[in-house]
Structure formats: C-alpha cells, structure tokens
Amino acid sequence: AARLCVTTATLTTAVNKLEKRGFIRRERDVEDRRKVMLSLT
C-alpha cells in the first residue's frame, strides 16, 4: 500500500480481484498471524 501510495483498504479491493483471478497469493505471516503477506503466482 505504501509503495502504491494508497490505503490498505483500497489495496484490499485490488488484492481480492487479483487473488480471485489467480495473479497473486495472500497468506498469513507464520510469525505474526496479524500480517497478510502478498506474493505473485
């Protein structure tokens, strides 16, 4: 979100679409379950 200069809420909308379409992966951080980690498929 900081890299894109958007809010986390705004990013969440994009992430939902991109994950559903198979472009990205969203996972919880194993050390801090509060963090949502993003990576590319």
PDB file of all heavy atoms in Angstrom:
ATOM      1  N   ALA A   1       0.840  -1.209   0.000  1.00  0.00           N
ATOM      2  CA  ALA A   1       0.000   0.000   0.000  1.00  0.00           C
ATOM      3  C   ALA A   1       0.870   1.251   0.000  1.00  0.00           C
ATOM      4  O   ALA A   1       0.596   2.210  -0.737  1.00  0.00           O
ATOM      5  CB  ALA A   1      -0.938  -0.004   1.204  1.00  0.00           C
ATOM      6  N   ALA A   2       1.944   1.256   0.795  1.00  0.00           N
ATOM      7  CA  ALA A   2       2.852   2.411   0.840  1.00  0.00           C
ATOM      8  C   ALA A   2       3.553   2.609  -0.503  1.00  0.00           C
ATOM      9  O   ALA A   2       3.694   3.744  -0.976  1.00  0.00           O
ATOM     10  CB  ALA A   2       3.878   2.229   1.959  1.00  0.00           C
ATOM     11  N   ARG A   3       3.976   1.528  -1.129  1.00  0.00           N
ATOM     12  CA  ARG A   3       4.623   1.627  -2.452  1.00  0.00           C
ATOM     13  C   ARG A   3       3.684   2.248  -3.475  1.00  0.00           C
ATOM     14  O   ARG A   3       4.118   2.968  -4.377  1.00  0.00           O
ATOM     15  CB  ARG A   3       5.056   0.243  -2.941  1.00  0.00           C
ATOM     16  CG  ARG A   3       6.255  -0.318  -2.245  1.00  0.00           C
ATOM     17  CD  ARG A   3       6.611  -1.696  -2.780  1.00  0.00           C
ATOM     18  NE  ARG A   3       7.751  -2.249  -2.063  1.00  0.00           N
ATOM     19  CZ  ARG A   3       8.195  -3.490  -2.215  1.00  0.00           C
ATOM     20  NH1 ARG A   3       7.602  -4.316  -3.066  1.00  0.00           N
ATOM     21  NH2 ARG A   3       9.233  -3.909  -1.523  1.00  0.00           N
ATOM     22  N   LEU A   4       2.400   1.947  -3.356  1.00  0.00           N
ATOM     23  CA  LEU A   4       1.413   2.446  -4.316  1.00  0.00           C
ATOM     24  C   LEU A   4       0.784   3.773  -3.892  1.00  0.00           C
ATOM     25  O   LEU A   4      -0.023   4.339  -4.631  1.00  0.00           O
ATOM     26  CB  LEU A   4       0.303   1.397  -4.501  1.00  0.00           C
ATOM     27  CG  LEU A   4       0.729   0.092  -5.157  1.00  0.00           C
ATOM     28  CD1 LEU A   4      -0.364  -0.964  -5.018  1.00  0.00           C
ATOM     29  CD2 LEU A   4       1.078   0.316  -6.618  1.00  0.00           C
ATOM     30  N   CYS A   5       1.116   4.234  -2.685  1.00  0.00           N
ATOM     31  CA  CYS A   5       0.538   5.469  -2.132  1.00  0.00           C
ATOM     32  C   CYS A   5      -0.985   5.376  -2.037  1.00  0.00           C
ATOM     33  O   CYS A   5      -1.707   6.297  -2.432  1.00  0.00           O
ATOM     34  CB  CYS A   5       0.964   6.696  -2.935  1.00  0.00           C
ATOM     35  SG  CYS A   5       2.734   6.958  -2.961  1.00  0.00           S
ATOM     36  N   VAL A   6      -1.464   4.228  -1.544  1.00  0.00           N
ATOM     37  CA  VAL A   6      -2.894   4.021  -1.323  1.00  0.00           C
ATOM     38  C   VAL A   6      -3.096   3.496   0.099  1.00  0.00           C
ATOM     39  O   VAL A   6      -2.152   3.078   0.751  1.00  0.00           O
ATOM     40  CB  VAL A   6      -3.511   3.022  -2.338  1.00  0.00           C
ATOM     41  CG1 VAL A   6      -3.371   3.526  -3.762  1.00  0.00           C
ATOM     42  CG2 VAL A   6      -2.914   1.627  -2.192  1.00  0.00           C
ATOM     43  N   THR A   7      -4.337   3.497   0.541  1.00  0.00           N
ATOM     44  CA  THR A   7      -4.644   2.940   1.858  1.00  0.00           C
ATOM     45  C   THR A   7      -4.678   1.414   1.766  1.00  0.00           C
ATOM     46  O   THR A   7      -4.845   0.846   0.671  1.00  0.00           O
ATOM     47  CB  THR A   7      -6.005   3.434   2.371  1.00  0.00           C
ATOM     48  OG1 THR A   7      -7.031   2.916   1.507  1.00  0.00           O
ATOM     49  CG2 THR A   7      -6.067   4.956   2.433  1.00  0.00           C
ATOM     50  N   THR A   8      -4.553   0.771   2.902  1.00  0.00           N
ATOM     51  CA  THR A   8      -4.653  -0.690   2.936  1.00  0.00           C
ATOM     52  C   THR A   8      -6.043  -1.134   2.495  1.00  0.00           C
ATOM     53  O   THR A   8      -6.188  -2.152   1.812  1.00  0.00           O
ATOM     54  CB  THR A   8      -4.326  -1.226   4.344  1.00  0.00           C
ATOM     55  OG1 THR A   8      -3.030  -0.743   4.715  1.00  0.00           O
ATOM     56  CG2 THR A   8      -4.286  -2.740   4.376  1.00  0.00           C
ATOM     57  N   ALA A   9      -7.070  -0.362   2.849  1.00  0.00           N
ATOM     58  CA  ALA A   9      -8.436  -0.691   2.434  1.00  0.00           C
ATOM     59  C   ALA A   9      -8.572  -0.665   0.906  1.00  0.00           C
ATOM     60  O   ALA A   9      -9.190  -1.561   0.308  1.00  0.00           O
ATOM     61  CB  ALA A   9      -9.428   0.272   3.072  1.00  0.00           C
ATOM     62  N   THR A  10      -7.992   0.344   0.274  1.00  0.00           N
ATOM     63  CA  THR A  10      -8.016   0.425  -1.191  1.00  0.00           C
ATOM     64  C   THR A  10      -7.275  -0.749  -1.806  1.00  0.00           C
ATOM     65  O   THR A  10      -7.747  -1.362  -2.766  1.00  0.00           O
ATOM     66  CB  THR A  10      -7.392   1.757  -1.664  1.00  0.00           C
ATOM     67  OG1 THR A  10      -8.168   2.833  -1.151  1.00  0.00           O
ATOM     68  CG2 THR A  10      -7.323   1.846  -3.171  1.00  0.00           C
ATOM     69  N   LEU A  11      -6.128  -1.077  -1.229  1.00  0.00           N
ATOM     70  CA  LEU A  11      -5.344  -2.205  -1.738  1.00  0.00           C
ATOM     71  C   LEU A  11      -6.116  -3.512  -1.591  1.00  0.00           C
ATOM     72  O   LEU A  11      -6.058  -4.367  -2.480  1.00  0.00           O
ATOM     73  CB  LEU A  11      -4.001  -2.293  -1.011  1.00  0.00           C
ATOM     74  CG  LEU A  11      -3.101  -3.455  -1.422  1.00  0.00           C
ATOM     75  CD1 LEU A  11      -2.740  -3.365  -2.907  1.00  0.00           C
ATOM     76  CD2 LEU A  11      -1.849  -3.482  -0.566  1.00  0.00           C
ATOM     77  N   THR A  12      -6.839  -3.675  -0.506  1.00  0.00           N
ATOM     78  CA  THR A  12      -7.597  -4.909  -0.263  1.00  0.00           C
ATOM     79  C   THR A  12      -8.567  -5.189  -1.402  1.00  0.00           C
ATOM     80  O   THR A  12      -8.717  -6.343  -1.839  1.00  0.00           O
ATOM     81  CB  THR A  12      -8.349  -4.827   1.087  1.00  0.00           C
ATOM     82  OG1 THR A  12      -7.391  -4.665   2.125  1.00  0.00           O
ATOM     83  CG2 THR A  12      -9.179  -6.072   1.338  1.00  0.00           C
ATOM     84  N   THR A  13      -9.211  -4.166  -1.916  1.00  0.00           N
ATOM     85  CA  THR A  13     -10.137  -4.333  -3.038  1.00  0.00           C
ATOM     86  C   THR A  13      -9.409  -4.899  -4.256  1.00  0.00           C
ATOM     87  O   THR A  13      -9.880  -5.852  -4.889  1.00  0.00           O
ATOM     88  CB  THR A  13     -10.802  -2.984  -3.394  1.00  0.00           C
ATOM     89  OG1 THR A  13     -11.466  -2.490  -2.231  1.00  0.00           O
ATOM     90  CG2 THR A  13     -11.792  -3.131  -4.525  1.00  0.00           C
ATOM     91  N   ALA A  14      -8.258  -4.324  -4.575  1.00  0.00           N
ATOM     92  CA  ALA A  14      -7.475  -4.805  -5.722  1.00  0.00           C
ATOM     93  C   ALA A  14      -6.966  -6.216  -5.478  1.00  0.00           C
ATOM     94  O   ALA A  14      -6.998  -7.066  -6.376  1.00  0.00           O
ATOM     95  CB  ALA A  14      -6.310  -3.858  -5.990  1.00  0.00           C
ATOM     96  N   VAL A  15      -6.504  -6.480  -4.262  1.00  0.00           N
ATOM     97  CA  VAL A  15      -5.974  -7.795  -3.913  1.00  0.00           C
ATOM     98  C   VAL A  15      -7.059  -8.866  -4.047  1.00  0.00           C
ATOM     99  O   VAL A  15      -6.797  -9.963  -4.567  1.00  0.00           O
ATOM    100  CB  VAL A  15      -5.373  -7.773  -2.484  1.00  0.00           C
ATOM    101  CG1 VAL A  15      -5.152  -9.180  -1.946  1.00  0.00           C
ATOM    102  CG2 VAL A  15      -4.071  -6.991  -2.486  1.00  0.00           C
ATOM    103  N   ASN A  16      -8.251  -8.556  -3.603  1.00  0.00           N
ATOM    104  CA  ASN A  16      -9.360  -9.525  -3.727  1.00  0.00           C
ATOM    105  C   ASN A  16      -9.561  -9.932  -5.184  1.00  0.00           C
ATOM    106  O   ASN A  16      -9.710 -11.115  -5.496  1.00  0.00           O
ATOM    107  CB  ASN A  16     -10.654  -8.941  -3.162  1.00  0.00           C
ATOM    108  CG  ASN A  16     -10.626  -8.810  -1.657  1.00  0.00           C
ATOM    109  OD1 ASN A  16      -9.829  -9.445  -0.970  1.00  0.00           O
ATOM    110  ND2 ASN A  16     -11.503  -7.968  -1.127  1.00  0.00           N
ATOM    111  N   LYS A  17      -9.568  -8.957  -6.082  1.00  0.00           N
ATOM    112  CA  LYS A  17      -9.769  -9.242  -7.510  1.00  0.00           C
ATOM    113  C   LYS A  17      -8.594 -10.035  -8.090  1.00  0.00           C
ATOM    114  O   LYS A  17      -8.785 -11.002  -8.828  1.00  0.00           O
ATOM    115  CB  LYS A  17      -9.946  -7.942  -8.293  1.00  0.00           C
ATOM    116  CG  LYS A  17     -11.243  -7.221  -8.025  1.00  0.00           C
ATOM    117  CD  LYS A  17     -11.298  -5.926  -8.808  1.00  0.00           C
ATOM    118  CE  LYS A  17     -12.528  -5.108  -8.457  1.00  0.00           C
ATOM    119  NZ  LYS A  17     -12.530  -3.813  -9.153  1.00  0.00           N
ATOM    120  N   LEU A  18      -7.368  -9.585  -7.766  1.00  0.00           N
ATOM    121  CA  LEU A  18      -6.184 -10.238  -8.332  1.00  0.00           C
ATOM    122  C   LEU A  18      -6.007 -11.659  -7.804  1.00  0.00           C
ATOM    123  O   LEU A  18      -5.583 -12.547  -8.543  1.00  0.00           O
ATOM    124  CB  LEU A  18      -4.932  -9.397  -8.054  1.00  0.00           C
ATOM    125  CG  LEU A  18      -4.854  -8.082  -8.817  1.00  0.00           C
ATOM    126  CD1 LEU A  18      -3.733  -7.205  -8.281  1.00  0.00           C
ATOM    127  CD2 LEU A  18      -4.673  -8.337 -10.314  1.00  0.00           C
ATOM    128  N   GLU A  19      -6.351 -11.873  -6.556  1.00  0.00           N
ATOM    129  CA  GLU A  19      -6.252 -13.221  -5.989  1.00  0.00           C
ATOM    130  C   GLU A  19      -7.303 -14.135  -6.639  1.00  0.00           C
ATOM    131  O   GLU A  19      -6.997 -15.273  -7.024  1.00  0.00           O
ATOM    132  CB  GLU A  19      -6.446 -13.174  -4.478  1.00  0.00           C
ATOM    133  CG  GLU A  19      -6.294 -14.547  -3.824  1.00  0.00           C
ATOM    134  CD  GLU A  19      -6.506 -14.505  -2.329  1.00  0.00           C
ATOM    135  OE1 GLU A  19      -7.398 -13.764  -1.857  1.00  0.00           O
ATOM    136  OE2 GLU A  19      -5.778 -15.226  -1.625  1.00  0.00           O
ATOM    137  N   LYS A  20      -8.505 -13.635  -6.775  1.00  0.00           N
ATOM    138  CA  LYS A  20      -9.590 -14.415  -7.381  1.00  0.00           C
ATOM    139  C   LYS A  20      -9.243 -14.824  -8.815  1.00  0.00           C
ATOM    140  O   LYS A  20      -9.573 -15.920  -9.261  1.00  0.00           O
ATOM    141  CB  LYS A  20     -10.879 -13.590  -7.366  1.00  0.00           C
ATOM    142  CG  LYS A  20     -12.097 -14.327  -7.853  1.00  0.00           C
ATOM    143  CD  LYS A  20     -13.342 -13.468  -7.727  1.00  0.00           C
ATOM    144  CE  LYS A  20     -14.563 -14.215  -8.220  1.00  0.00           C
ATOM    145  NZ  LYS A  20     -15.774 -13.405  -8.105  1.00  0.00           N
ATOM    146  N   ARG A  21      -8.525 -13.946  -9.517  1.00  0.00           N
ATOM    147  CA  ARG A  21      -8.158 -14.213 -10.914  1.00  0.00           C
ATOM    148  C   ARG A  21      -6.842 -14.994 -11.038  1.00  0.00           C
ATOM    149  O   ARG A  21      -6.399 -15.293 -12.140  1.00  0.00           O
ATOM    150  CB  ARG A  21      -8.088 -12.906 -11.685  1.00  0.00           C
ATOM    151  CG  ARG A  21      -9.482 -12.267 -11.799  1.00  0.00           C
ATOM    152  CD  ARG A  21      -9.472 -10.930 -12.442  1.00  0.00           C
ATOM    153  NE  ARG A  21      -9.075 -11.015 -13.838  1.00  0.00           N
ATOM    154  CZ  ARG A  21      -8.771  -9.961 -14.575  1.00  0.00           C
ATOM    155  NH1 ARG A  21      -8.838  -8.747 -14.071  1.00  0.00           N
ATOM    156  NH2 ARG A  21      -8.407 -10.106 -15.828  1.00  0.00           N
ATOM    157  N   GLY A  22      -6.203 -15.287  -9.898  1.00  0.00           N
ATOM    158  CA  GLY A  22      -5.024 -16.151  -9.913  1.00  0.00           C
ATOM    159  C   GLY A  22      -3.696 -15.470 -10.159  1.00  0.00           C
ATOM    160  O   GLY A  22      -2.712 -16.141 -10.490  1.00  0.00           O
ATOM    161  N   PHE A  23      -3.617 -14.139  -9.991  1.00  0.00           N
ATOM    162  CA  PHE A  23      -2.370 -13.426 -10.221  1.00  0.00           C
ATOM    163  C   PHE A  23      -1.512 -13.288  -8.966  1.00  0.00           C
ATOM    164  O   PHE A  23      -0.294 -13.134  -9.063  1.00  0.00           O
ATOM    165  CB  PHE A  23      -2.644 -12.022 -10.787  1.00  0.00           C
ATOM    166  CG  PHE A  23      -3.184 -12.047 -12.181  1.00  0.00           C
ATOM    167  CD1 PHE A  23      -4.538 -11.891 -12.421  1.00  0.00           C
ATOM    168  CD2 PHE A  23      -2.348 -12.242 -13.269  1.00  0.00           C
ATOM    169  CE1 PHE A  23      -5.055 -11.920 -13.712  1.00  0.00           C
ATOM    170  CE2 PHE A  23      -2.844 -12.271 -14.560  1.00  0.00           C
ATOM    171  CZ  PHE A  23      -4.207 -12.109 -14.784  1.00  0.00           C
ATOM    172  N   ILE A  24      -2.150 -13.296  -7.807  1.00  0.00           N
ATOM    173  CA  ILE A  24      -1.404 -13.133  -6.557  1.00  0.00           C
ATOM    174  C   ILE A  24      -1.858 -14.162  -5.532  1.00  0.00           C
ATOM    175  O   ILE A  24      -2.916 -14.769  -5.662  1.00  0.00           O
ATOM    176  CB  ILE A  24      -1.542 -11.716  -5.969  1.00  0.00           C
ATOM    177  CG1 ILE A  24      -2.968 -11.435  -5.534  1.00  0.00           C
ATOM    178  CG2 ILE A  24      -1.052 -10.660  -6.943  1.00  0.00           C
ATOM    179  CD1 ILE A  24      -3.095 -10.161  -4.733  1.00  0.00           C
ATOM    180  N   ARG A  25      -1.015 -14.314  -4.528  1.00  0.00           N
ATOM    181  CA  ARG A  25      -1.301 -15.219  -3.418  1.00  0.00           C
ATOM    182  C   ARG A  25      -1.286 -14.389  -2.138  1.00  0.00           C
ATOM    183  O   ARG A  25      -0.406 -13.548  -1.949  1.00  0.00           O
ATOM    184  CB  ARG A  25      -0.216 -16.289  -3.363  1.00  0.00           C
ATOM    185  CG  ARG A  25      -0.392 -17.374  -2.359  1.00  0.00           C
ATOM    186  CD  ARG A  25       0.726 -18.430  -2.460  1.00  0.00           C
ATOM    187  NE  ARG A  25       0.838 -19.011  -3.803  1.00  0.00           N
ATOM    188  CZ  ARG A  25       1.823 -18.734  -4.672  1.00  0.00           C
ATOM    189  NH1 ARG A  25       2.782 -17.907  -4.353  1.00  0.00           N
ATOM    190  NH2 ARG A  25       1.846 -19.300  -5.857  1.00  0.00           N
ATOM    191  N   ARG A  26      -2.250 -14.646  -1.281  1.00  0.00           N
ATOM    192  CA  ARG A  26      -2.346 -13.952   0.004  1.00  0.00           C
ATOM    193  C   ARG A  26      -2.237 -15.011   1.104  1.00  0.00           C
ATOM    194  O   ARG A  26      -2.979 -15.990   1.092  1.00  0.00           O
ATOM    195  CB  ARG A  26      -3.683 -13.220   0.077  1.00  0.00           C
ATOM    196  CG  ARG A  26      -3.912 -12.483   1.335  1.00  0.00           C
ATOM    197  CD  ARG A  26      -5.206 -11.703   1.397  1.00  0.00           C
ATOM    198  NE  ARG A  26      -6.199 -11.994   0.404  1.00  0.00           N
ATOM    199  CZ  ARG A  26      -7.223 -11.190   0.123  1.00  0.00           C
ATOM    200  NH1 ARG A  26      -7.379 -10.061   0.768  1.00  0.00           N
ATOM    201  NH2 ARG A  26      -8.104 -11.506  -0.793  1.00  0.00           N
ATOM    202  N   GLU A  27      -1.295 -14.792   2.032  1.00  0.00           N
ATOM    203  CA  GLU A  27      -1.094 -15.737   3.124  1.00  0.00           C
ATOM    204  C   GLU A  27      -0.832 -14.981   4.419  1.00  0.00           C
ATOM    205  O   GLU A  27      -0.288 -13.877   4.397  1.00  0.00           O
ATOM    206  CB  GLU A  27       0.116 -16.640   2.840  1.00  0.00           C
ATOM    207  CG  GLU A  27       0.006 -17.461   1.576  1.00  0.00           C
ATOM    208  CD  GLU A  27       1.312 -18.155   1.214  1.00  0.00           C
ATOM    209  OE1 GLU A  27       2.390 -17.620   1.519  1.00  0.00           O
ATOM    210  OE2 GLU A  27       1.241 -19.236   0.625  1.00  0.00           O
ATOM    211  N   ARG A  28      -1.163 -15.594   5.525  1.00  0.00           N
ATOM    212  CA  ARG A  28      -0.839 -15.022   6.834  1.00  0.00           C
ATOM    213  C   ARG A  28       0.636 -15.272   7.128  1.00  0.00           C
ATOM    214  O   ARG A  28       1.171 -16.336   6.816  1.00  0.00           O
ATOM    215  CB  ARG A  28      -1.688 -15.671   7.934  1.00  0.00           C
ATOM    216  CG  ARG A  28      -3.143 -15.325   7.857  1.00  0.00           C
ATOM    217  CD  ARG A  28      -3.414 -14.023   8.531  1.00  0.00           C
ATOM    218  NE  ARG A  28      -4.798 -13.623   8.288  1.00  0.00           N
ATOM    219  CZ  ARG A  28      -5.235 -12.416   8.498  1.00  0.00           C
ATOM    220  NH1 ARG A  28      -4.426 -11.481   8.939  1.00  0.00           N
ATOM    221  NH2 ARG A  28      -6.479 -12.109   8.264  1.00  0.00           N
ATOM    222  N   ASP A  29       1.293 -14.296   7.737  1.00  0.00           N
ATOM    223  CA  ASP A  29       2.684 -14.437   8.158  1.00  0.00           C
ATOM    224  C   ASP A  29       2.745 -15.514   9.240  1.00  0.00           C
ATOM    225  O   ASP A  29       1.945 -15.496  10.178  1.00  0.00           O
ATOM    226  CB  ASP A  29       3.184 -13.093   8.696  1.00  0.00           C
ATOM    227  CG  ASP A  29       4.672 -13.100   8.980  1.00  0.00           C
ATOM    228  OD1 ASP A  29       5.153 -14.044   9.625  1.00  0.00           O
ATOM    229  OD2 ASP A  29       5.355 -12.140   8.588  1.00  0.00           O
ATOM    230  N   VAL A  30       3.701 -16.431   9.122  1.00  0.00           N
ATOM    231  CA  VAL A  30       3.787 -17.518  10.095  1.00  0.00           C
ATOM    232  C   VAL A  30       4.232 -17.020  11.480  1.00  0.00           C
ATOM    233  O   VAL A  30       3.861 -17.596  12.495  1.00  0.00           O
ATOM    234  CB  VAL A  30       4.733 -18.651   9.613  1.00  0.00           C
ATOM    235  CG1 VAL A  30       4.112 -19.406   8.456  1.00  0.00           C
ATOM    236  CG2 VAL A  30       6.095 -18.114   9.234  1.00  0.00           C
ATOM    237  N   GLU A  31       5.009 -15.943  11.513  1.00  0.00           N
ATOM    238  CA  GLU A  31       5.491 -15.412  12.792  1.00  0.00           C
ATOM    239  C   GLU A  31       4.508 -14.433  13.433  1.00  0.00           C
ATOM    240  O   GLU A  31       4.441 -14.327  14.648  1.00  0.00           O
ATOM    241  CB  GLU A  31       6.853 -14.745  12.611  1.00  0.00           C
ATOM    242  CG  GLU A  31       7.944 -15.735  12.222  1.00  0.00           C
ATOM    243  CD  GLU A  31       9.258 -15.056  11.918  1.00  0.00           C
ATOM    244  OE1 GLU A  31       9.418 -13.852  12.234  1.00  0.00           O
ATOM    245  OE2 GLU A  31      10.134 -15.736  11.360  1.00  0.00           O
ATOM    246  N   ASP A  32       3.779 -13.699  12.611  1.00  0.00           N
ATOM    247  CA  ASP A  32       2.808 -12.729  13.118  1.00  0.00           C
ATOM    248  C   ASP A  32       1.523 -12.894  12.309  1.00  0.00           C
ATOM    249  O   ASP A  32       1.393 -12.329  11.224  1.00  0.00           O
ATOM    250  CB  ASP A  32       3.366 -11.311  12.991  1.00  0.00           C
ATOM    251  CG  ASP A  32       2.435 -10.246  13.553  1.00  0.00           C
ATOM    252  OD1 ASP A  32       1.275 -10.564  13.896  1.00  0.00           O
ATOM    253  OD2 ASP A  32       2.872  -9.083  13.652  1.00  0.00           O
ATOM    254  N   ARG A  33       0.602 -13.658  12.819  1.00  0.00           N
ATOM    255  CA  ARG A  33      -0.616 -14.002  12.089  1.00  0.00           C
ATOM    256  C   ARG A  33      -1.473 -12.793  11.734  1.00  0.00           C
ATOM    257  O   ARG A  33      -2.363 -12.886  10.900  1.00  0.00           O
ATOM    258  CB  ARG A  33      -1.456 -15.002  12.905  1.00  0.00           C
ATOM    259  CG  ARG A  33      -0.736 -16.285  13.279  1.00  0.00           C
ATOM    260  CD  ARG A  33      -0.519 -17.234  12.144  1.00  0.00           C
ATOM    261  NE  ARG A  33      -1.758 -17.670  11.550  1.00  0.00           N
ATOM    262  CZ  ARG A  33      -1.871 -18.136  10.322  1.00  0.00           C
ATOM    263  NH1 ARG A  33      -0.835 -18.219   9.544  1.00  0.00           N
ATOM    264  NH2 ARG A  33      -3.034 -18.516   9.847  1.00  0.00           N
ATOM    265  N   ARG A  34      -1.203 -11.641  12.341  1.00  0.00           N
ATOM    266  CA  ARG A  34      -1.965 -10.433  12.006  1.00  0.00           C
ATOM    267  C   ARG A  34      -1.568  -9.887  10.637  1.00  0.00           C
ATOM    268  O   ARG A  34      -2.349  -9.189   9.989  1.00  0.00           O
ATOM    269  CB  ARG A  34      -1.753  -9.346  13.067  1.00  0.00           C
ATOM    270  CG  ARG A  34      -2.288  -9.719  14.449  1.00  0.00           C
ATOM    271  CD  ARG A  34      -1.851  -8.714  15.466  1.00  0.00           C
ATOM    272  NE  ARG A  34      -0.383  -8.755  15.553  1.00  0.00           N
ATOM    273  CZ  ARG A  34       0.356  -7.924  16.272  1.00  0.00           C
ATOM    274  NH1 ARG A  34      -0.206  -6.970  16.964  1.00  0.00           N
ATOM    275  NH2 ARG A  34       1.669  -8.032  16.303  1.00  0.00           N
ATOM    276  N   LYS A  35      -0.354 -10.171  10.201  1.00  0.00           N
ATOM    277  CA  LYS A  35       0.147  -9.672   8.915  1.00  0.00           C
ATOM    278  C   LYS A  35      -0.336 -10.544   7.767  1.00  0.00           C
ATOM    279  O   LYS A  35      -0.264 -11.769   7.827  1.00  0.00           O
ATOM    280  CB  LYS A  35       1.676  -9.660   8.894  1.00  0.00           C
ATOM    281  CG  LYS A  35       2.309  -8.584   9.691  1.00  0.00           C
ATOM    282  CD  LYS A  35       3.810  -8.627   9.474  1.00  0.00           C
ATOM    283  CE  LYS A  35       4.517  -7.583  10.307  1.00  0.00           C
ATOM    284  NZ  LYS A  35       5.979  -7.702  10.122  1.00  0.00           N
ATOM    285  N   VAL A  36      -0.796  -9.877   6.709  1.00  0.00           N
ATOM    286  CA  VAL A  36      -1.174 -10.569   5.476  1.00  0.00           C
ATOM    287  C   VAL A  36      -0.057 -10.329   4.472  1.00  0.00           C
ATOM    288  O   VAL A  36       0.269  -9.184   4.145  1.00  0.00           O
ATOM    289  CB  VAL A  36      -2.525 -10.048   4.923  1.00  0.00           C
ATOM    290  CG1 VAL A  36      -2.844 -10.707   3.593  1.00  0.00           C
ATOM    291  CG2 VAL A  36      -3.636 -10.277   5.935  1.00  0.00           C
ATOM    292  N   MET A  37       0.540 -11.412   4.019  1.00  0.00           N
ATOM    293  CA  MET A  37       1.660 -11.344   3.091  1.00  0.00           C
ATOM    294  C   MET A  37       1.171 -11.589   1.664  1.00  0.00           C
ATOM    295  O   MET A  37       0.340 -12.468   1.433  1.00  0.00           O
ATOM    296  CB  MET A  37       2.714 -12.388   3.462  1.00  0.00           C
ATOM    297  CG  MET A  37       3.182 -12.297   4.914  1.00  0.00           C
ATOM    298  SD  MET A  37       3.982 -10.734   5.306  1.00  0.00           S
ATOM    299  CE  MET A  37       5.558 -10.970   4.502  1.00  0.00           C
ATOM    300  N   LEU A  38       1.714 -10.804   0.726  1.00  0.00           N
ATOM    301  CA  LEU A  38       1.345 -10.939  -0.687  1.00  0.00           C
ATOM    302  C   LEU A  38       2.547 -11.410  -1.487  1.00  0.00           C
ATOM    303  O   LEU A  38       3.671 -10.982  -1.249  1.00  0.00           O
ATOM    304  CB  LEU A  38       0.871  -9.602  -1.244  1.00  0.00           C
ATOM    305  CG  LEU A  38      -0.334  -8.958  -0.578  1.00  0.00           C
ATOM    306  CD1 LEU A  38      -0.635  -7.617  -1.232  1.00  0.00           C
ATOM    307  CD2 LEU A  38      -1.539  -9.872  -0.638  1.00  0.00           C
ATOM    308  N   SER A  39       2.284 -12.266  -2.446  1.00  0.00           N
ATOM    309  CA  SER A  39       3.316 -12.690  -3.392  1.00  0.00           C
ATOM    310  C   SER A  39       2.627 -12.986  -4.725  1.00  0.00           C
ATOM    311  O   SER A  39       1.405 -13.120  -4.790  1.00  0.00           O
ATOM    312  CB  SER A  39       4.069 -13.918  -2.874  1.00  0.00           C
ATOM    313  OG  SER A  39       3.180 -14.991  -2.677  1.00  0.00           O
ATOM    314  N   LEU A  40       3.427 -13.082  -5.761  1.00  0.00           N
ATOM    315  CA  LEU A  40       2.891 -13.350  -7.094  1.00  0.00           C
ATOM    316  C   LEU A  40       2.850 -14.850  -7.360  1.00  0.00           C
ATOM    317  O   LEU A  40       3.733 -15.593  -6.938  1.00  0.00           O
ATOM    318  CB  LEU A  40       3.753 -12.676  -8.168  1.00  0.00           C
ATOM    319  CG  LEU A  40       3.873 -11.165  -8.111  1.00  0.00           C
ATOM    320  CD1 LEU A  40       4.735 -10.663  -9.263  1.00  0.00           C
ATOM    321  CD2 LEU A  40       2.512 -10.500  -8.127  1.00  0.00           C
ATOM    322  N   THR A  41       1.844 -15.253  -8.090  1.00  0.00           N
ATOM    323  CA  THR A  41       1.780 -16.614  -8.612  1.00  0.00           C
ATOM    324  C   THR A  41       2.582 -16.642  -9.911  1.00  0.00           C
ATOM    325  O   THR A  41       3.067 -15.594 -10.379  1.00  0.00           O
ATOM    326  CB  THR A  41       0.324 -17.012  -8.916  1.00  0.00           C
ATOM    327  OG1 THR A  41      -0.172 -16.131  -9.935  1.00  0.00           O
ATOM    328  CG2 THR A  41      -0.551 -16.944  -7.676  1.00  0.00           C
TER     329      THR A  41
END
